Amino acid sequence: MAKKKRYLTATMSDGYVKTIGPTAAPFTHYWRIVAEIEGRRPEVFWGHARSLKEASGKTTAAREAATQRGWKSYAFEIVALTETLA
C-alpha cells in the first residue's frame, strides 16, 4: 500500500511559516540558519530532518560555515514540524 502523502508545517519564532509537501517522508524537524554577511543582505539556509538529533547535528556545520565563509553573525533555529491535512 502506498504511504499517505501529507503536508508538514514549521512556524519559526519570528512568525515565518514554511510548509513542506505533499510528502510521505518521515520528517519531524525543520532547521534554519540566517547568516549576516558584511555589506550584503542576510542569506538563509534551511532543511528538514528525520529527528531532533539529526537537526541538532547541523549546529557544528553552521559554526564551521560561519568561520569558513566569514559570516558576521548567524542565527540557528530548530522547530518541530506539525502535520497539516491536505
PDB file of N, CA and C in Angstrom:
ATOM      1  N   MET A   1       0.837  -1.171   0.000  1.00  0.00           N
ATOM      2  CA  MET A   1       0.000   0.000   0.000  1.00  0.00           C
ATOM      3  C   MET A   1       0.892   1.249   0.000  1.00  0.00           C
ATOM      4  N   ALA A   2       0.508   2.235  -0.752  1.00  0.00           N
ATOM      5  CA  ALA A   2       1.274   3.482  -0.844  1.00  0.00           C
ATOM      6  C   ALA A   2       1.177   4.263   0.467  1.00  0.00           C
ATOM      7  N   LYS A   3       2.274   4.945   0.795  1.00  0.00           N
ATOM      8  CA  LYS A   3       2.267   5.765   2.004  1.00  0.00           C
ATOM      9  C   LYS A   3       1.389   6.996   1.799  1.00  0.00           C
ATOM     10  N   LYS A   4       0.747   7.397   2.869  1.00  0.00           N
ATOM     11  CA  LYS A   4      -0.127   8.563   2.823  1.00  0.00           C
ATOM     12  C   LYS A   4       0.706   9.840   2.656  1.00  0.00           C
ATOM     13  N   LYS A   5       0.343  10.661   1.699  1.00  0.00           N
ATOM     14  CA  LYS A   5       1.022  11.949   1.496  1.00  0.00           C
ATOM     15  C   LYS A   5       0.432  12.963   2.466  1.00  0.00           C
ATOM     16  N   ARG A   6       1.292  13.804   3.029  1.00  0.00           N
ATOM     17  CA  ARG A   6       0.846  14.794   3.998  1.00  0.00           C
ATOM     18  C   ARG A   6       1.629  16.072   3.842  1.00  0.00           C
ATOM     19  N   TYR A   7       1.141  17.130   4.421  1.00  0.00           N
ATOM     20  CA  TYR A   7       1.830  18.412   4.442  1.00  0.00           C
ATOM     21  C   TYR A   7       2.373  18.627   5.844  1.00  0.00           C
ATOM     22  N   LEU A   8       3.576  19.165   5.932  1.00  0.00           N
ATOM     23  CA  LEU A   8       4.204  19.445   7.215  1.00  0.00           C
ATOM     24  C   LEU A   8       4.449  20.950   7.307  1.00  0.00           C
ATOM     25  N   THR A   9       4.182  21.520   8.467  1.00  0.00           N
ATOM     26  CA  THR A   9       4.309  22.961   8.650  1.00  0.00           C
ATOM     27  C   THR A   9       5.232  23.270   9.818  1.00  0.00           C
ATOM     28  N   ALA A  10       6.136  24.229   9.591  1.00  0.00           N
ATOM     29  CA  ALA A  10       7.033  24.733  10.633  1.00  0.00           C
ATOM     30  C   ALA A  10       6.710  26.207  10.847  1.00  0.00           C
ATOM     31  N   THR A  11       6.570  26.605  12.104  1.00  0.00           N
ATOM     32  CA  THR A  11       6.351  28.011  12.432  1.00  0.00           C
ATOM     33  C   THR A  11       7.539  28.474  13.268  1.00  0.00           C
ATOM     34  N   MET A  12       8.308  29.402  12.713  1.00  0.00           N
ATOM     35  CA  MET A  12       9.513  29.894  13.382  1.00  0.00           C
ATOM     36  C   MET A  12       9.162  30.966  14.413  1.00  0.00           C
ATOM     37  N   SER A  13      10.093  31.261  15.301  1.00  0.00           N
ATOM     38  CA  SER A  13       9.848  32.215  16.379  1.00  0.00           C
ATOM     39  C   SER A  13       9.545  33.621  15.878  1.00  0.00           C
ATOM     40  N   ASP A  14      10.030  33.968  14.678  1.00  0.00           N
ATOM     41  CA  ASP A  14       9.767  35.297  14.127  1.00  0.00           C
ATOM     42  C   ASP A  14       8.464  35.363  13.326  1.00  0.00           C
ATOM     43  N   GLY A  15       7.698  34.256  13.332  1.00  0.00           N
ATOM     44  CA  GLY A  15       6.419  34.224  12.646  1.00  0.00           C
ATOM     45  C   GLY A  15       6.462  33.643  11.246  1.00  0.00           C
ATOM     46  N   TYR A  16       7.658  33.380  10.710  1.00  0.00           N
ATOM     47  CA  TYR A  16       7.789  32.793   9.378  1.00  0.00           C
ATOM     48  C   TYR A  16       7.196  31.381   9.391  1.00  0.00           C
ATOM     49  N   VAL A  17       6.399  31.056   8.384  1.00  0.00           N
ATOM     50  CA  VAL A  17       5.774  29.737   8.281  1.00  0.00           C
ATOM     51  C   VAL A  17       6.256  29.063   7.003  1.00  0.00           C
ATOM     52  N   LYS A  18       6.755  27.849   7.134  1.00  0.00           N
ATOM     53  CA  LYS A  18       7.243  27.069   5.994  1.00  0.00           C
ATOM     54  C   LYS A  18       6.414  25.795   5.902  1.00  0.00           C
ATOM     55  N   THR A  19       5.862  25.517   4.720  1.00  0.00           N
ATOM     56  CA  THR A  19       5.101  24.293   4.501  1.00  0.00           C
ATOM     57  C   THR A  19       5.858  23.393   3.538  1.00  0.00           C
ATOM     58  N   ILE A  20       5.949  22.133   3.887  1.00  0.00           N
ATOM     59  CA  ILE A  20       6.653  21.132   3.090  1.00  0.00           C
ATOM     60  C   ILE A  20       5.631  20.095   2.649  1.00  0.00           C
ATOM     61  N   GLY A  21       5.619  19.759   1.361  1.00  0.00           N
ATOM     62  CA  GLY A  21       4.741  18.687   0.949  1.00  0.00           C
ATOM     63  C   GLY A  21       4.075  18.949  -0.376  1.00  0.00           C
ATOM     64  N   PRO A  22       3.340  17.987  -0.828  1.00  0.00           N
ATOM     65  CA  PRO A  22       2.991  16.752  -0.128  1.00  0.00           C
ATOM     66  C   PRO A  22       4.181  15.785  -0.091  1.00  0.00           C
ATOM     67  N   THR A  23       4.314  15.093   1.019  1.00  0.00           N
ATOM     68  CA  THR A  23       5.424  14.161   1.202  1.00  0.00           C
ATOM     69  C   THR A  23       4.985  12.966   2.030  1.00  0.00           C
ATOM     70  N   ALA A  24       5.648  11.854   1.812  1.00  0.00           N
ATOM     71  CA  ALA A  24       5.431  10.663   2.627  1.00  0.00           C
ATOM     72  C   ALA A  24       6.658  10.432   3.512  1.00  0.00           C
ATOM     73  N   ALA A  25       7.672  11.289   3.382  1.00  0.00           N
ATOM     74  CA  ALA A  25       8.905  11.148   4.155  1.00  0.00           C
ATOM     75  C   ALA A  25       8.637  11.432   5.639  1.00  0.00           C
ATOM     76  N   PRO A  26       9.342  10.738   6.523  1.00  0.00           N
ATOM     77  CA  PRO A  26       9.099  10.877   7.959  1.00  0.00           C
ATOM     78  C   PRO A  26       9.848  12.046   8.615  1.00  0.00           C
ATOM     79  N   PHE A  27       9.758  13.228   8.049  1.00  0.00           N
ATOM     80  CA  PHE A  27      10.443  14.381   8.633  1.00  0.00           C
ATOM     81  C   PHE A  27       9.751  14.799   9.928  1.00  0.00           C
ATOM     82  N   THR A  28      10.538  15.203  10.926  1.00  0.00           N
ATOM     83  CA  THR A  28       9.985  15.622  12.213  1.00  0.00           C
ATOM     84  C   THR A  28      10.385  17.040  12.607  1.00  0.00           C
ATOM     85  N   HIS A  29      11.494  17.547  12.047  1.00  0.00           N
ATOM     86  CA  HIS A  29      12.002  18.861  12.438  1.00  0.00           C
ATOM     87  C   HIS A  29      12.473  19.671  11.225  1.00  0.00           C
ATOM     88  N   TYR A  30      12.431  20.980  11.382  1.00  0.00           N
ATOM     89  CA  TYR A  30      12.858  21.934  10.360  1.00  0.00           C
ATOM     90  C   TYR A  30      13.942  22.796  10.988  1.00  0.00           C
ATOM     91  N   TRP A  31      15.021  23.045  10.249  1.00  0.00           N
ATOM     92  CA  TRP A  31      16.084  23.908  10.769  1.00  0.00           C
ATOM     93  C   TRP A  31      16.331  25.046   9.796  1.00  0.00           C
ATOM     94  N   ARG A  32      16.814  26.170  10.348  1.00  0.00           N
ATOM     95  CA  ARG A  32      17.072  27.349   9.523  1.00  0.00           C
ATOM     96  C   ARG A  32      18.281  28.104  10.081  1.00  0.00           C
ATOM     97  N   ILE A  33      19.141  28.549   9.164  1.00  0.00           N
ATOM     98  CA  ILE A  33      20.280  29.399   9.509  1.00  0.00           C
ATOM     99  C   ILE A  33      20.090  30.720   8.773  1.00  0.00           C
ATOM    100  N   VAL A  34      20.114  31.820   9.504  1.00  0.00           N
ATOM    101  CA  VAL A  34      20.077  33.147   8.892  1.00  0.00           C
ATOM    102  C   VAL A  34      21.461  33.752   9.133  1.00  0.00           C
ATOM    103  N   ALA A  35      22.227  33.896   8.054  1.00  0.00           N
ATOM    104  CA  ALA A  35      23.616  34.362   8.138  1.00  0.00           C
ATOM    105  C   ALA A  35      23.706  35.843   7.770  1.00  0.00           C
ATOM    106  N   GLU A  36      24.308  36.626   8.646  1.00  0.00           N
ATOM    107  CA  GLU A  36      24.575  38.040   8.378  1.00  0.00           C
ATOM    108  C   GLU A  36      25.943  38.135   7.720  1.00  0.00           C
ATOM    109  N   ILE A  37      25.975  38.751   6.541  1.00  0.00           N
ATOM    110  CA  ILE A  37      27.213  38.849   5.782  1.00  0.00           C
ATOM    111  C   ILE A  37      27.547  40.323   5.619  1.00  0.00           C
ATOM    112  N   GLU A  38      28.776  40.674   5.892  1.00  0.00           N
ATOM    113  CA  GLU A  38      29.233  42.067   5.846  1.00  0.00           C
ATOM    114  C   GLU A  38      28.857  42.731   4.524  1.00  0.00           C
ATOM    115  N   GLY A  39      28.086  43.808   4.598  1.00  0.00           N
ATOM    116  CA  GLY A  39      27.764  44.600   3.418  1.00  0.00           C
ATOM    117  C   GLY A  39      26.757  43.983   2.463  1.00  0.00           C
ATOM    118  N   ARG A  40      26.111  42.887   2.858  1.00  0.00           N
ATOM    119  CA  ARG A  40      25.141  42.225   1.979  1.00  0.00           C
ATOM    120  C   ARG A  40      23.879  41.879   2.746  1.00  0.00           C
ATOM    121  N   ARG A  41      22.863  41.504   2.004  1.00  0.00           N
ATOM    122  CA  ARG A  41      21.627  41.046   2.633  1.00  0.00           C
ATOM    123  C   ARG A  41      21.870  39.707   3.324  1.00  0.00           C
ATOM    124  N   PRO A  42      21.090  39.407   4.353  1.00  0.00           N
ATOM    125  CA  PRO A  42      21.239  38.106   5.024  1.00  0.00           C
ATOM    126  C   PRO A  42      20.950  36.958   4.055  1.00  0.00           C
ATOM    127  N   GLU A  43      21.646  35.866   4.241  1.00  0.00           N
ATOM    128  CA  GLU A  43      21.391  34.652   3.461  1.00  0.00           C
ATOM    129  C   GLU A  43      20.705  33.649   4.370  1.00  0.00           C
ATOM    130  N   VAL A  44      19.761  32.904   3.818  1.00  0.00           N
ATOM    131  CA  VAL A  44      19.010  31.926   4.594  1.00  0.00           C
ATOM    132  C   VAL A  44      19.275  30.532   4.029  1.00  0.00           C
ATOM    133  N   PHE A  45      19.610  29.613   4.929  1.00  0.00           N
ATOM    134  CA  PHE A  45      19.819  28.210   4.589  1.00  0.00           C
ATOM    135  C   PHE A  45      18.830  27.419   5.428  1.00  0.00           C
ATOM    136  N   TRP A  46      18.203  26.401   4.861  1.00  0.00           N
ATOM    137  CA  TRP A  46      17.205  25.649   5.606  1.00  0.00           C
ATOM    138  C   TRP A  46      17.171  24.199   5.157  1.00  0.00           C
ATOM    139  N   GLY A  47      16.522  23.396   5.960  1.00  0.00           N
ATOM    140  CA  GLY A  47      16.345  21.991   5.618  1.00  0.00           C
ATOM    141  C   GLY A  47      15.415  21.315   6.605  1.00  0.00           C
ATOM    142  N   HIS A  48      15.148  20.056   6.376  1.00  0.00           N
ATOM    143  CA  HIS A  48      14.310  19.298   7.281  1.00  0.00           C
ATOM    144  C   HIS A  48      15.036  17.999   7.619  1.00  0.00           C
ATOM    145  N   ALA A  49      14.689  17.446   8.784  1.00  0.00           N
ATOM    146  CA  ALA A  49      15.403  16.275   9.286  1.00  0.00           C
ATOM    147  C   ALA A  49      14.421  15.241   9.817  1.00  0.00           C
ATOM    148  N   ARG A  50      14.906  14.032   9.933  1.00  0.00           N
ATOM    149  CA  ARG A  50      14.072  12.922  10.395  1.00  0.00           C
ATOM    150  C   ARG A  50      14.068  12.770  11.911  1.00  0.00           C
ATOM    151  N   SER A  51      14.872  13.588  12.614  1.00  0.00           N
ATOM    152  CA  SER A  51      14.896  13.535  14.076  1.00  0.00           C
ATOM    153  C   SER A  51      15.496  14.829  14.618  1.00  0.00           C
ATOM    154  N   LEU A  52      15.255  15.082  15.900  1.00  0.00           N
ATOM    155  CA  LEU A  52      15.846  16.251  16.541  1.00  0.00           C
ATOM    156  C   LEU A  52      17.367  16.116  16.575  1.00  0.00           C
ATOM    157  N   LYS A  53      17.852  14.896  16.792  1.00  0.00           N
ATOM    158  CA  LYS A  53      19.297  14.650  16.819  1.00  0.00           C
ATOM    159  C   LYS A  53      19.932  14.999  15.470  1.00  0.00           C
ATOM    160  N   GLU A  54      19.300  14.588  14.389  1.00  0.00           N
ATOM    161  CA  GLU A  54      19.821  14.888  13.055  1.00  0.00           C
ATOM    162  C   GLU A  54      19.840  16.402  12.809  1.00  0.00           C
ATOM    163  N   ALA A  55      18.767  17.091  13.188  1.00  0.00           N
ATOM    164  CA  ALA A  55      18.698  18.544  13.007  1.00  0.00           C
ATOM    165  C   ALA A  55      19.732  19.250  13.874  1.00  0.00           C
ATOM    166  N   SER A  56      19.919  18.789  15.096  1.00  0.00           N
ATOM    167  CA  SER A  56      20.894  19.401  16.007  1.00  0.00           C
ATOM    168  C   SER A  56      22.324  19.236  15.499  1.00  0.00           C
ATOM    169  N   GLY A  57      22.555  18.207  14.704  1.00  0.00           N
ATOM    170  CA  GLY A  57      23.874  17.978  14.127  1.00  0.00           C
ATOM    171  C   GLY A  57      24.306  19.085  13.175  1.00  0.00           C
ATOM    172  N   LYS A  58      23.364  19.883  12.716  1.00  0.00           N
ATOM    173  CA  LYS A  58      23.682  20.993  11.805  1.00  0.00           C
ATOM    174  C   LYS A  58      24.345  22.154  12.544  1.00  0.00           C
ATOM    175  N   THR A  59      24.306  22.151  13.885  1.00  0.00           N
ATOM    176  CA  THR A  59      24.914  23.220  14.678  1.00  0.00           C
ATOM    177  C   THR A  59      26.408  23.323  14.399  1.00  0.00           C
ATOM    178  N   THR A  60      27.080  22.185  14.380  1.00  0.00           N
ATOM    179  CA  THR A  60      28.516  22.164  14.106  1.00  0.00           C
ATOM    180  C   THR A  60      28.796  22.644  12.688  1.00  0.00           C
ATOM    181  N   ALA A  61      27.995  22.206  11.744  1.00  0.00           N
ATOM    182  CA  ALA A  61      28.174  22.628  10.352  1.00  0.00           C
ATOM    183  C   ALA A  61      27.976  24.140  10.217  1.00  0.00           C
ATOM    184  N   ALA A  62      27.021  24.690  10.944  1.00  0.00           N
ATOM    185  CA  ALA A  62      26.773  26.138  10.900  1.00  0.00           C
ATOM    186  C   ALA A  62      27.976  26.901  11.450  1.00  0.00           C
ATOM    187  N   ARG A  63      28.522  26.420  12.548  1.00  0.00           N
ATOM    188  CA  ARG A  63      29.693  27.069  13.160  1.00  0.00           C
ATOM    189  C   ARG A  63      30.885  27.042  12.202  1.00  0.00           C
ATOM    190  N   GLU A  64      31.111  25.911  11.552  1.00  0.00           N
ATOM    191  CA  GLU A  64      32.209  25.790  10.595  1.00  0.00           C
ATOM    192  C   GLU A  64      31.984  26.683   9.376  1.00  0.00           C
ATOM    193  N   ALA A  65      30.749  26.748   8.890  1.00  0.00           N
ATOM    194  CA  ALA A  65      30.430  27.592   7.735  1.00  0.00           C
ATOM    195  C   ALA A  65      30.650  29.063   8.063  1.00  0.00           C
ATOM    196  N   ALA A  66      30.294  29.468   9.279  1.00  0.00           N
ATOM    197  CA  ALA A  66      30.477  30.867   9.692  1.00  0.00           C
ATOM    198  C   ALA A  66      31.947  31.253   9.634  1.00  0.00           C
ATOM    199  N   THR A  67      32.813  30.364  10.094  1.00  0.00           N
ATOM    200  CA  THR A  67      34.254  30.621  10.061  1.00  0.00           C
ATOM    201  C   THR A  67      34.778  30.608   8.628  1.00  0.00           C
ATOM    202  N   GLN A  68      34.396  29.591   7.885  1.00  0.00           N
ATOM    203  CA  GLN A  68      34.889  29.404   6.522  1.00  0.00           C
ATOM    204  C   GLN A  68      34.428  30.507   5.571  1.00  0.00           C
ATOM    205  N   ARG A  69      33.192  30.948   5.707  1.00  0.00           N
ATOM    206  CA  ARG A  69      32.622  31.926   4.776  1.00  0.00           C
ATOM    207  C   ARG A  69      32.671  33.361   5.279  1.00  0.00           C
ATOM    208  N   GLY A  70      33.166  33.561   6.485  1.00  0.00           N
ATOM    209  CA  GLY A  70      33.327  34.909   7.007  1.00  0.00           C
ATOM    210  C   GLY A  70      32.029  35.602   7.384  1.00  0.00           C
ATOM    211  N   TRP A  71      31.048  34.831   7.891  1.00  0.00           N
ATOM    212  CA  TRP A  71      29.794  35.441   8.305  1.00  0.00           C
ATOM    213  C   TRP A  71      30.047  36.365   9.490  1.00  0.00           C
ATOM    214  N   LYS A  72      29.412  37.512   9.479  1.00  0.00           N
ATOM    215  CA  LYS A  72      29.499  38.470  10.585  1.00  0.00           C
ATOM    216  C   LYS A  72      28.845  37.865  11.834  1.00  0.00           C
ATOM    217  N   SER A  73      27.677  37.255  11.647  1.00  0.00           N
ATOM    218  CA  SER A  73      26.965  36.532  12.703  1.00  0.00           C
ATOM    219  C   SER A  73      25.939  35.629  12.037  1.00  0.00           C
ATOM    220  N   TYR A  74      25.340  34.751  12.829  1.00  0.00           N
ATOM    221  CA  TYR A  74      24.285  33.889  12.291  1.00  0.00           C
ATOM    222  C   TYR A  74      23.361  33.446  13.421  1.00  0.00           C
ATOM    223  N   ALA A  75      22.154  33.103  13.037  1.00  0.00           N
ATOM    224  CA  ALA A  75      21.165  32.561  13.974  1.00  0.00           C
ATOM    225  C   ALA A  75      20.762  31.183  13.479  1.00  0.00           C
ATOM    226  N   PHE A  76      20.774  30.212  14.371  1.00  0.00           N
ATOM    227  CA  PHE A  76      20.402  28.836  14.037  1.00  0.00           C
ATOM    228  C   PHE A  76      19.184  28.465  14.865  1.00  0.00           C
ATOM    229  N   GLU A  77      18.155  27.938  14.217  1.00  0.00           N
ATOM    230  CA  GLU A  77      16.919  27.612  14.926  1.00  0.00           C
ATOM    231  C   GLU A  77      16.352  26.286  14.420  1.00  0.00           C
ATOM    232  N   ILE A  78      15.799  25.506  15.347  1.00  0.00           N
ATOM    233  CA  ILE A  78      15.163  24.225  15.027  1.00  0.00           C
ATOM    234  C   ILE A  78      13.751  24.272  15.606  1.00  0.00           C
ATOM    235  N   VAL A  79      12.768  23.835  14.818  1.00  0.00           N
ATOM    236  CA  VAL A  79      11.402  23.704  15.321  1.00  0.00           C
ATOM    237  C   VAL A  79      10.822  22.369  14.878  1.00  0.00           C
ATOM    238  N   ALA A  80       9.884  21.865  15.659  1.00  0.00           N
ATOM    239  CA  ALA A  80       9.200  20.619  15.314  1.00  0.00           C
ATOM    240  C   ALA A  80       8.189  20.903  14.209  1.00  0.00           C
ATOM    241  N   LEU A  81       8.052  19.965  13.304  1.00  0.00           N
ATOM    242  CA  LEU A  81       7.064  20.057  12.224  1.00  0.00           C
ATOM    243  C   LEU A  81       5.717  19.535  12.727  1.00  0.00           C
ATOM    244  N   THR A  82       4.652  20.154  12.282  1.00  0.00           N
ATOM    245  CA  THR A  82       3.315  19.669  12.606  1.00  0.00           C
ATOM    246  C   THR A  82       2.631  19.228  11.316  1.00  0.00           C
ATOM    247  N   GLU A  83       1.872  18.169  11.409  1.00  0.00           N
ATOM    248  CA  GLU A  83       1.197  17.643  10.219  1.00  0.00           C
ATOM    249  C   GLU A  83      -0.077  18.435   9.955  1.00  0.00           C
ATOM    250  N   THR A  84      -0.256  18.802   8.689  1.00  0.00           N
ATOM    251  CA  THR A  84      -1.438  19.533   8.239  1.00  0.00           C
ATOM    252  C   THR A  84      -2.155  18.679   7.218  1.00  0.00           C
ATOM    253  N   LEU A  85      -3.433  18.516   7.376  1.00  0.00           N
ATOM    254  CA  LEU A  85      -4.191  17.733   6.408  1.00  0.00           C
ATOM    255  C   LEU A  85      -4.379  18.518   5.126  1.00  0.00           C
ATOM    256  N   ALA A  86      -4.256  17.842   4.008  1.00  0.00           N
ATOM    257  CA  ALA A  86      -4.385  18.497   2.699  1.00  0.00           C
ATOM    258  C   ALA A  86      -5.836  18.701   2.323  1.00  0.00           C
TER     259      ALA A  86
END
